[in-house]
Amino acid sequence: MAYADIQLAPPEAGLTAQSDAQELYRIGLIYSNGTDVPVDYVAAHKWFNLASARGCEEARVCREEMADLLDDREIKKALKAARQWLAKAN
């Protein structure tokens, strides 16, 4: 198998409904910075939103920064993805 054929688990693999705000915030940082994944501001907004909802102030600030980089359609997509994750995780 070639190195390029290796499938890595996404950064959020292993998160559960009990994951704390800091874990969710960390995933947002990974997507916003492109740490071992392509930069994805929609995914970053999703994870910052979830972390913010659990009380992480840093995530709230980052979510606002992501929102400034996204259009309305992308923000709706991020919010929908957050709701879907919550439904699946619970």
PDB file of N, CA and C in Angstrom:
ATOM      1  N   MET A   1       0.847  -1.171   0.000  1.00  0.00           N
ATOM      2  CA  MET A   1       0.000   0.000   0.000  1.00  0.00           C
ATOM      3  C   MET A   1       0.895   1.237   0.000  1.00  0.00           C
ATOM      4  N   ALA A   2       0.607   2.160  -0.869  1.00  0.00           N
ATOM      5  CA  ALA A   2       1.361   3.401  -0.934  1.00  0.00           C
ATOM      6  C   ALA A   2       1.001   4.293   0.245  1.00  0.00           C
ATOM      7  N   TYR A   3       1.955   5.106   0.641  1.00  0.00           N
ATOM      8  CA  TYR A   3       1.735   6.019   1.765  1.00  0.00           C
ATOM      9  C   TYR A   3       0.498   6.886   1.534  1.00  0.00           C
ATOM     10  N   ALA A   4       0.278   7.338   0.310  1.00  0.00           N
ATOM     11  CA  ALA A   4      -0.859   8.209  -0.004  1.00  0.00           C
ATOM     12  C   ALA A   4      -2.194   7.484   0.130  1.00  0.00           C
ATOM     13  N   ASP A   5      -2.191   6.167   0.173  1.00  0.00           N
ATOM     14  CA  ASP A   5      -3.427   5.397   0.275  1.00  0.00           C
ATOM     15  C   ASP A   5      -3.877   5.180   1.719  1.00  0.00           C
ATOM     16  N   ILE A   6      -3.075   5.586   2.671  1.00  0.00           N
ATOM     17  CA  ILE A   6      -3.413   5.386   4.075  1.00  0.00           C
ATOM     18  C   ILE A   6      -4.545   6.339   4.463  1.00  0.00           C
ATOM     19  N   GLN A   7      -5.575   5.800   5.075  1.00  0.00           N
ATOM     20  CA  GLN A   7      -6.711   6.586   5.529  1.00  0.00           C
ATOM     21  C   GLN A   7      -6.545   6.898   7.009  1.00  0.00           C
ATOM     22  N   LEU A   8      -6.467   8.167   7.344  1.00  0.00           N
ATOM     23  CA  LEU A   8      -6.352   8.572   8.734  1.00  0.00           C
ATOM     24  C   LEU A   8      -7.726   8.946   9.265  1.00  0.00           C
ATOM     25  N   ALA A   9      -7.939   8.682  10.532  1.00  0.00           N
ATOM     26  CA  ALA A   9      -9.208   9.055  11.162  1.00  0.00           C
ATOM     27  C   ALA A   9      -9.280  10.577  11.265  1.00  0.00           C
ATOM     28  N   PRO A  10     -10.471  11.131  11.128  1.00  0.00           N
ATOM     29  CA  PRO A  10     -10.596  12.589  11.274  1.00  0.00           C
ATOM     30  C   PRO A  10     -10.272  13.007  12.711  1.00  0.00           C
ATOM     31  N   PRO A  11      -9.876  14.257  12.905  1.00  0.00           N
ATOM     32  CA  PRO A  11      -9.494  14.711  14.248  1.00  0.00           C
ATOM     33  C   PRO A  11     -10.582  14.506  15.298  1.00  0.00           C
ATOM     34  N   GLU A  12     -11.843  14.538  14.868  1.00  0.00           N
ATOM     35  CA  GLU A  12     -12.945  14.415  15.831  1.00  0.00           C
ATOM     36  C   GLU A  12     -13.310  12.970  16.164  1.00  0.00           C
ATOM     37  N   ALA A  13     -12.630  12.016  15.560  1.00  0.00           N
ATOM     38  CA  ALA A  13     -12.894  10.611  15.881  1.00  0.00           C
ATOM     39  C   ALA A  13     -12.676  10.401  17.378  1.00  0.00           C
ATOM     40  N   GLY A  14     -13.606   9.748  17.995  1.00  0.00           N
ATOM     41  CA  GLY A  14     -13.484   9.467  19.418  1.00  0.00           C
ATOM     42  C   GLY A  14     -14.187  10.468  20.316  1.00  0.00           C
ATOM     43  N   LEU A  15     -14.635  11.592  19.765  1.00  0.00           N
ATOM     44  CA  LEU A  15     -15.406  12.522  20.588  1.00  0.00           C
ATOM     45  C   LEU A  15     -16.768  11.917  20.884  1.00  0.00           C
ATOM     46  N   THR A  16     -17.287  12.228  22.046  1.00  0.00           N
ATOM     47  CA  THR A  16     -18.599  11.736  22.455  1.00  0.00           C
ATOM     48  C   THR A  16     -19.430  12.898  22.975  1.00  0.00           C
ATOM     49  N   ALA A  17     -20.662  12.602  23.296  1.00  0.00           N
ATOM     50  CA  ALA A  17     -21.546  13.622  23.877  1.00  0.00           C
ATOM     51  C   ALA A  17     -20.966  14.152  25.186  1.00  0.00           C
ATOM     52  N   GLN A  18     -20.107  13.387  25.836  1.00  0.00           N
ATOM     53  CA  GLN A  18     -19.507  13.811  27.097  1.00  0.00           C
ATOM     54  C   GLN A  18     -18.199  14.581  26.910  1.00  0.00           C
ATOM     55  N   SER A  19     -17.749  14.736  25.676  1.00  0.00           N
ATOM     56  CA  SER A  19     -16.503  15.480  25.445  1.00  0.00           C
ATOM     57  C   SER A  19     -16.647  16.900  25.971  1.00  0.00           C
ATOM     58  N   ASP A  20     -15.595  17.379  26.617  1.00  0.00           N
ATOM     59  CA  ASP A  20     -15.704  18.706  27.216  1.00  0.00           C
ATOM     60  C   ASP A  20     -15.405  19.813  26.203  1.00  0.00           C
ATOM     61  N   ALA A  21     -15.661  21.030  26.620  1.00  0.00           N
ATOM     62  CA  ALA A  21     -15.522  22.193  25.747  1.00  0.00           C
ATOM     63  C   ALA A  21     -14.102  22.322  25.200  1.00  0.00           C
ATOM     64  N   GLN A  22     -13.110  22.023  26.006  1.00  0.00           N
ATOM     65  CA  GLN A  22     -11.722  22.161  25.554  1.00  0.00           C
ATOM     66  C   GLN A  22     -11.390  21.166  24.436  1.00  0.00           C
ATOM     67  N   GLU A  23     -11.942  19.976  24.513  1.00  0.00           N
ATOM     68  CA  GLU A  23     -11.720  18.993  23.444  1.00  0.00           C
ATOM     69  C   GLU A  23     -12.346  19.480  22.140  1.00  0.00           C
ATOM     70  N   LEU A  24     -13.556  20.000  22.215  1.00  0.00           N
ATOM     71  CA  LEU A  24     -14.240  20.508  21.029  1.00  0.00           C
ATOM     72  C   LEU A  24     -13.503  21.721  20.466  1.00  0.00           C
ATOM     73  N   TYR A  25     -13.035  22.588  21.344  1.00  0.00           N
ATOM     74  CA  TYR A  25     -12.261  23.772  20.950  1.00  0.00           C
ATOM     75  C   TYR A  25     -10.989  23.352  20.215  1.00  0.00           C
ATOM     76  N   ARG A  26     -10.312  22.337  20.738  1.00  0.00           N
ATOM     77  CA  ARG A  26      -9.079  21.843  20.106  1.00  0.00           C
ATOM     78  C   ARG A  26      -9.336  21.382  18.675  1.00  0.00           C
ATOM     79  N   ILE A  27     -10.468  20.735  18.432  1.00  0.00           N
ATOM     80  CA  ILE A  27     -10.801  20.292  17.073  1.00  0.00           C
ATOM     81  C   ILE A  27     -11.032  21.506  16.179  1.00  0.00           C
ATOM     82  N   GLY A  28     -11.699  22.523  16.707  1.00  0.00           N
ATOM     83  CA  GLY A  28     -11.875  23.755  15.945  1.00  0.00           C
ATOM     84  C   GLY A  28     -10.543  24.373  15.552  1.00  0.00           C
ATOM     85  N   LEU A  29      -9.592  24.378  16.482  1.00  0.00           N
ATOM     86  CA  LEU A  29      -8.266  24.911  16.174  1.00  0.00           C
ATOM     87  C   LEU A  29      -7.576  24.104  15.077  1.00  0.00           C
ATOM     88  N   ILE A  30      -7.725  22.795  15.141  1.00  0.00           N
ATOM     89  CA  ILE A  30      -7.107  21.936  14.116  1.00  0.00           C
ATOM     90  C   ILE A  30      -7.620  22.310  12.734  1.00  0.00           C
ATOM     91  N   TYR A  31      -8.942  22.464  12.592  1.00  0.00           N
ATOM     92  CA  TYR A  31      -9.513  22.806  11.286  1.00  0.00           C
ATOM     93  C   TYR A  31      -9.222  24.245  10.881  1.00  0.00           C
ATOM     94  N   SER A  32      -9.179  25.157  11.831  1.00  0.00           N
ATOM     95  CA  SER A  32      -8.931  26.555  11.472  1.00  0.00           C
ATOM     96  C   SER A  32      -7.480  26.791  11.059  1.00  0.00           C
ATOM     97  N   ASN A  33      -6.568  26.007  11.627  1.00  0.00           N
ATOM     98  CA  ASN A  33      -5.149  26.157  11.309  1.00  0.00           C
ATOM     99  C   ASN A  33      -4.665  25.189  10.241  1.00  0.00           C
ATOM    100  N   GLY A  34      -5.455  24.171   9.944  1.00  0.00           N
ATOM    101  CA  GLY A  34      -5.024  23.167   8.979  1.00  0.00           C
ATOM    102  C   GLY A  34      -3.925  22.273   9.525  1.00  0.00           C
ATOM    103  N   THR A  35      -4.043  21.913  10.793  1.00  0.00           N
ATOM    104  CA  THR A  35      -3.060  21.039  11.420  1.00  0.00           C
ATOM    105  C   THR A  35      -3.351  19.595  11.045  1.00  0.00           C
ATOM    106  N   ASP A  36      -2.573  19.057  10.122  1.00  0.00           N
ATOM    107  CA  ASP A  36      -2.704  17.677   9.628  1.00  0.00           C
ATOM    108  C   ASP A  36      -4.006  17.423   8.872  1.00  0.00           C
ATOM    109  N   VAL A  37      -4.760  18.467   8.572  1.00  0.00           N
ATOM    110  CA  VAL A  37      -5.968  18.400   7.731  1.00  0.00           C
ATOM    111  C   VAL A  37      -6.001  19.667   6.892  1.00  0.00           C
ATOM    112  N   PRO A  38      -6.756  19.648   5.792  1.00  0.00           N
ATOM    113  CA  PRO A  38      -6.912  20.903   5.045  1.00  0.00           C
ATOM    114  C   PRO A  38      -7.656  21.939   5.898  1.00  0.00           C
ATOM    115  N   VAL A  39      -7.307  23.204   5.746  1.00  0.00           N
ATOM    116  CA  VAL A  39      -8.027  24.269   6.442  1.00  0.00           C
ATOM    117  C   VAL A  39      -9.492  24.195   6.019  1.00  0.00           C
ATOM    118  N   ASP A  40     -10.387  24.233   7.004  1.00  0.00           N
ATOM    119  CA  ASP A  40     -11.824  24.153   6.741  1.00  0.00           C
ATOM    120  C   ASP A  40     -12.537  25.058   7.748  1.00  0.00           C
ATOM    121  N   TYR A  41     -12.841  26.276   7.321  1.00  0.00           N
ATOM    122  CA  TYR A  41     -13.455  27.242   8.226  1.00  0.00           C
ATOM    123  C   TYR A  41     -14.883  26.866   8.608  1.00  0.00           C
ATOM    124  N   VAL A  42     -15.582  26.154   7.751  1.00  0.00           N
ATOM    125  CA  VAL A  42     -16.932  25.699   8.096  1.00  0.00           C
ATOM    126  C   VAL A  42     -16.850  24.695   9.242  1.00  0.00           C
ATOM    127  N   ALA A  43     -15.953  23.725   9.120  1.00  0.00           N
ATOM    128  CA  ALA A  43     -15.773  22.742  10.195  1.00  0.00           C
ATOM    129  C   ALA A  43     -15.263  23.425  11.461  1.00  0.00           C
ATOM    130  N   ALA A  44     -14.353  24.377  11.313  1.00  0.00           N
ATOM    131  CA  ALA A  44     -13.843  25.092  12.477  1.00  0.00           C
ATOM    132  C   ALA A  44     -14.982  25.818  13.192  1.00  0.00           C
ATOM    133  N   HIS A  45     -15.840  26.494  12.438  1.00  0.00           N
ATOM    134  CA  HIS A  45     -16.983  27.198  13.032  1.00  0.00           C
ATOM    135  C   HIS A  45     -17.865  26.215  13.793  1.00  0.00           C
ATOM    136  N   LYS A  46     -18.111  25.060  13.178  1.00  0.00           N
ATOM    137  CA  LYS A  46     -18.935  24.027  13.824  1.00  0.00           C
ATOM    138  C   LYS A  46     -18.371  23.670  15.196  1.00  0.00           C
ATOM    139  N   TRP A  47     -17.087  23.342  15.261  1.00  0.00           N
ATOM    140  CA  TRP A  47     -16.488  22.890  16.517  1.00  0.00           C
ATOM    141  C   TRP A  47     -16.363  24.024  17.511  1.00  0.00           C
ATOM    142  N   PHE A  48     -16.058  25.238  17.045  1.00  0.00           N
ATOM    143  CA  PHE A  48     -16.018  26.384  17.951  1.00  0.00           C
ATOM    144  C   PHE A  48     -17.412  26.670  18.508  1.00  0.00           C
ATOM    145  N   ASN A  49     -18.428  26.512  17.682  1.00  0.00           N
ATOM    146  CA  ASN A  49     -19.802  26.724  18.131  1.00  0.00           C
ATOM    147  C   ASN A  49     -20.171  25.722  19.225  1.00  0.00           C
ATOM    148  N   LEU A  50     -19.837  24.474  19.004  1.00  0.00           N
ATOM    149  CA  LEU A  50     -20.134  23.437  20.001  1.00  0.00           C
ATOM    150  C   LEU A  50     -19.377  23.694  21.302  1.00  0.00           C
ATOM    151  N   ALA A  51     -18.109  24.078  21.194  1.00  0.00           N
ATOM    152  CA  ALA A  51     -17.313  24.357  22.384  1.00  0.00           C
ATOM    153  C   ALA A  51     -17.843  25.592  23.109  1.00  0.00           C
ATOM    154  N   SER A  52     -18.239  26.582  22.348  1.00  0.00           N
ATOM    155  CA  SER A  52     -18.799  27.798  22.933  1.00  0.00           C
ATOM    156  C   SER A  52     -20.076  27.493  23.702  1.00  0.00           C
ATOM    157  N   ALA A  53     -20.901  26.627  23.149  1.00  0.00           N
ATOM    158  CA  ALA A  53     -22.148  26.242  23.809  1.00  0.00           C
ATOM    159  C   ALA A  53     -21.883  25.539  25.138  1.00  0.00           C
ATOM    160  N   ARG A  54     -20.688  24.981  25.276  1.00  0.00           N
ATOM    161  CA  ARG A  54     -20.319  24.310  26.535  1.00  0.00           C
ATOM    162  C   ARG A  54     -19.491  25.212  27.443  1.00  0.00           C
ATOM    163  N   GLY A  55     -19.452  26.500  27.098  1.00  0.00           N
ATOM    164  CA  GLY A  55     -18.850  27.469  27.997  1.00  0.00           C
ATOM    165  C   GLY A  55     -17.431  27.912  27.713  1.00  0.00           C
ATOM    166  N   CYS A  56     -16.872  27.545  26.587  1.00  0.00           N
ATOM    167  CA  CYS A  56     -15.490  27.926  26.276  1.00  0.00           C
ATOM    168  C   CYS A  56     -15.468  29.328  25.648  1.00  0.00           C
ATOM    169  N   GLU A  57     -14.970  30.298  26.403  1.00  0.00           N
ATOM    170  CA  GLU A  57     -14.933  31.687  25.934  1.00  0.00           C
ATOM    171  C   GLU A  57     -14.009  31.849  24.720  1.00  0.00           C
ATOM    172  N   GLU A  58     -12.865  31.164  24.728  1.00  0.00           N
ATOM    173  CA  GLU A  58     -11.948  31.252  23.588  1.00  0.00           C
ATOM    174  C   GLU A  58     -12.636  30.772  22.312  1.00  0.00           C
ATOM    175  N   ALA A  59     -13.449  29.739  22.426  1.00  0.00           N
ATOM    176  CA  ALA A  59     -14.172  29.207  21.270  1.00  0.00           C
ATOM    177  C   ALA A  59     -15.190  30.216  20.751  1.00  0.00           C
ATOM    178  N   ARG A  60     -15.819  30.947  21.661  1.00  0.00           N
ATOM    179  CA  ARG A  60     -16.788  31.966  21.238  1.00  0.00           C
ATOM    180  C   ARG A  60     -16.104  33.027  20.384  1.00  0.00           C
ATOM    181  N   VAL A  61     -14.941  33.466  20.817  1.00  0.00           N
ATOM    182  CA  VAL A  61     -14.180  34.471  20.065  1.00  0.00           C
ATOM    183  C   VAL A  61     -13.778  33.910  18.700  1.00  0.00           C
ATOM    184  N   CYS A  62     -13.281  32.684  18.685  1.00  0.00           N
ATOM    185  CA  CYS A  62     -12.856  32.059  17.426  1.00  0.00           C
ATOM    186  C   CYS A  62     -14.040  31.838  16.492  1.00  0.00           C
ATOM    187  N   ARG A  63     -15.191  31.474  17.043  1.00  0.00           N
ATOM    188  CA  ARG A  63     -16.391  31.291  16.216  1.00  0.00           C
ATOM    189  C   ARG A  63     -16.745  32.599  15.520  1.00  0.00           C
ATOM    190  N   GLU A  64     -16.654  33.711  16.232  1.00  0.00           N
ATOM    191  CA  GLU A  64     -16.927  35.015  15.630  1.00  0.00           C
ATOM    192  C   GLU A  64     -15.929  35.330  14.523  1.00  0.00           C
ATOM    193  N   GLU A  65     -14.667  34.985  14.745  1.00  0.00           N
ATOM    194  CA  GLU A  65     -13.642  35.198  13.718  1.00  0.00           C
ATOM    195  C   GLU A  65     -13.931  34.356  12.477  1.00  0.00           C
ATOM    196  N   MET A  66     -14.346  33.111  12.684  1.00  0.00           N
ATOM    197  CA  MET A  66     -14.690  32.251  11.558  1.00  0.00           C
ATOM    198  C   MET A  66     -15.898  32.809  10.807  1.00  0.00           C
ATOM    199  N   ALA A  67     -16.881  33.297  11.549  1.00  0.00           N
ATOM    200  CA  ALA A  67     -18.091  33.841  10.922  1.00  0.00           C
ATOM    201  C   ALA A  67     -17.749  35.015  10.012  1.00  0.00           C
ATOM    202  N   ASP A  68     -16.729  35.792  10.367  1.00  0.00           N
ATOM    203  CA  ASP A  68     -16.308  36.911   9.524  1.00  0.00           C
ATOM    204  C   ASP A  68     -15.702  36.441   8.206  1.00  0.00           C
ATOM    205  N   LEU A  69     -15.225  35.198   8.184  1.00  0.00           N
ATOM    206  CA  LEU A  69     -14.602  34.647   6.970  1.00  0.00           C
ATOM    207  C   LEU A  69     -15.577  33.873   6.092  1.00  0.00           C
ATOM    208  N   LEU A  70     -16.783  33.634   6.600  1.00  0.00           N
ATOM    209  CA  LEU A  70     -17.757  32.802   5.897  1.00  0.00           C
ATOM    210  C   LEU A  70     -18.919  33.637   5.389  1.00  0.00           C
ATOM    211  N   ASP A  71     -19.551  33.137   4.332  1.00  0.00           N
ATOM    212  CA  ASP A  71     -20.790  33.781   3.885  1.00  0.00           C
ATOM    213  C   ASP A  71     -21.970  33.134   4.605  1.00  0.00           C
ATOM    214  N   ASP A  72     -23.154  33.683   4.415  1.00  0.00           N
ATOM    215  CA  ASP A  72     -24.342  33.189   5.128  1.00  0.00           C
ATOM    216  C   ASP A  72     -24.604  31.708   4.870  1.00  0.00           C
ATOM    217  N   ARG A  73     -24.415  31.270   3.639  1.00  0.00           N
ATOM    218  CA  ARG A  73     -24.642  29.861   3.287  1.00  0.00           C
ATOM    219  C   ARG A  73     -23.692  28.953   4.060  1.00  0.00           C
ATOM    220  N   GLU A  74     -22.436  29.361   4.156  1.00  0.00           N
ATOM    221  CA  GLU A  74     -21.450  28.550   4.877  1.00  0.00           C
ATOM    222  C   GLU A  74     -21.735  28.516   6.375  1.00  0.00           C
ATOM    223  N   ILE A  75     -22.189  29.634   6.925  1.00  0.00           N
ATOM    224  CA  ILE A  75     -22.531  29.662   8.345  1.00  0.00           C
ATOM    225  C   ILE A  75     -23.713  28.738   8.617  1.00  0.00           C
ATOM    226  N   LYS A  76     -24.713  28.773   7.752  1.00  0.00           N
ATOM    227  CA  LYS A  76     -25.854  27.867   7.914  1.00  0.00           C
ATOM    228  C   LYS A  76     -25.413  26.419   7.836  1.00  0.00           C
ATOM    229  N   LYS A  77     -24.483  26.135   6.940  1.00  0.00           N
ATOM    230  CA  LYS A  77     -23.949  24.772   6.804  1.00  0.00           C
ATOM    231  C   LYS A  77     -23.239  24.347   8.097  1.00  0.00           C
ATOM    232  N   ALA A  78     -22.453  25.247   8.682  1.00  0.00           N
ATOM    233  CA  ALA A  78     -21.738  24.945   9.926  1.00  0.00           C
ATOM    234  C   ALA A  78     -22.715  24.719  11.075  1.00  0.00           C
ATOM    235  N   LEU A  79     -23.744  25.557  11.160  1.00  0.00           N
ATOM    236  CA  LEU A  79     -24.735  25.411  12.225  1.00  0.00           C
ATOM    237  C   LEU A  79     -25.511  24.105  12.090  1.00  0.00           C
ATOM    238  N   LYS A  80     -25.845  23.758  10.857  1.00  0.00           N
ATOM    239  CA  LYS A  80     -26.548  22.498  10.611  1.00  0.00           C
ATOM    240  C   LYS A  80     -25.664  21.314  11.000  1.00  0.00           C
ATOM    241  N   ALA A  81     -24.391  21.380  10.635  1.00  0.00           N
ATOM    242  CA  ALA A  81     -23.459  20.299  10.975  1.00  0.00           C
ATOM    243  C   ALA A  81     -23.318  20.157  12.487  1.00  0.00           C
ATOM    244  N   ALA A  82     -23.328  21.271  13.207  1.00  0.00           N
ATOM    245  CA  ALA A  82     -23.243  21.214  14.676  1.00  0.00           C
ATOM    246  C   ALA A  82     -24.481  20.539  15.255  1.00  0.00           C
ATOM    247  N   ARG A  83     -25.652  20.906  14.737  1.00  0.00           N
ATOM    248  CA  ARG A  83     -26.894  20.268  15.219  1.00  0.00           C
ATOM    249  C   ARG A  83     -26.890  18.771  14.920  1.00  0.00           C
ATOM    250  N   GLN A  84     -26.416  18.396  13.745  1.00  0.00           N
ATOM    251  CA  GLN A  84     -26.375  16.980  13.380  1.00  0.00           C
ATOM    252  C   GLN A  84     -25.411  16.216  14.281  1.00  0.00           C
ATOM    253  N   TRP A  85     -24.270  16.822  14.599  1.00  0.00           N
ATOM    254  CA  TRP A  85     -23.322  16.139  15.477  1.00  0.00           C
ATOM    255  C   TRP A  85     -23.931  15.945  16.856  1.00  0.00           C
ATOM    256  N   LEU A  86     -24.596  16.972  17.375  1.00  0.00           N
ATOM    257  CA  LEU A  86     -25.230  16.854  18.673  1.00  0.00           C
ATOM    258  C   LEU A  86     -26.291  15.746  18.686  1.00  0.00           C
ATOM    259  N   ALA A  87     -27.075  15.679  17.630  1.00  0.00           N
ATOM    260  CA  ALA A  87     -28.115  14.646  17.550  1.00  0.00           C
ATOM    261  C   ALA A  87     -27.486  13.253  17.504  1.00  0.00           C
ATOM    262  N   LYS A  88     -26.400  13.126  16.757  1.00  0.00           N
ATOM    263  CA  LYS A  88     -25.727  11.836  16.637  1.00  0.00           C
ATOM    264  C   LYS A  88     -24.998  11.461  17.921  1.00  0.00           C
ATOM    265  N   ALA A  89     -24.388  12.441  18.556  1.00  0.00           N
ATOM    266  CA  ALA A  89     -23.606  12.177  19.763  1.00  0.00           C
ATOM    267  C   ALA A  89     -24.483  11.837  20.956  1.00  0.00           C
ATOM    268  N   ASN A  90     -25.706  12.326  20.934  1.00  0.00           N
ATOM    269  CA  ASN A  90     -26.604  12.069  22.071  1.00  0.00           C
ATOM    270  C   ASN A  90     -27.459  10.905  21.780  1.00  0.00           C
TER     271      ASN A  90
END
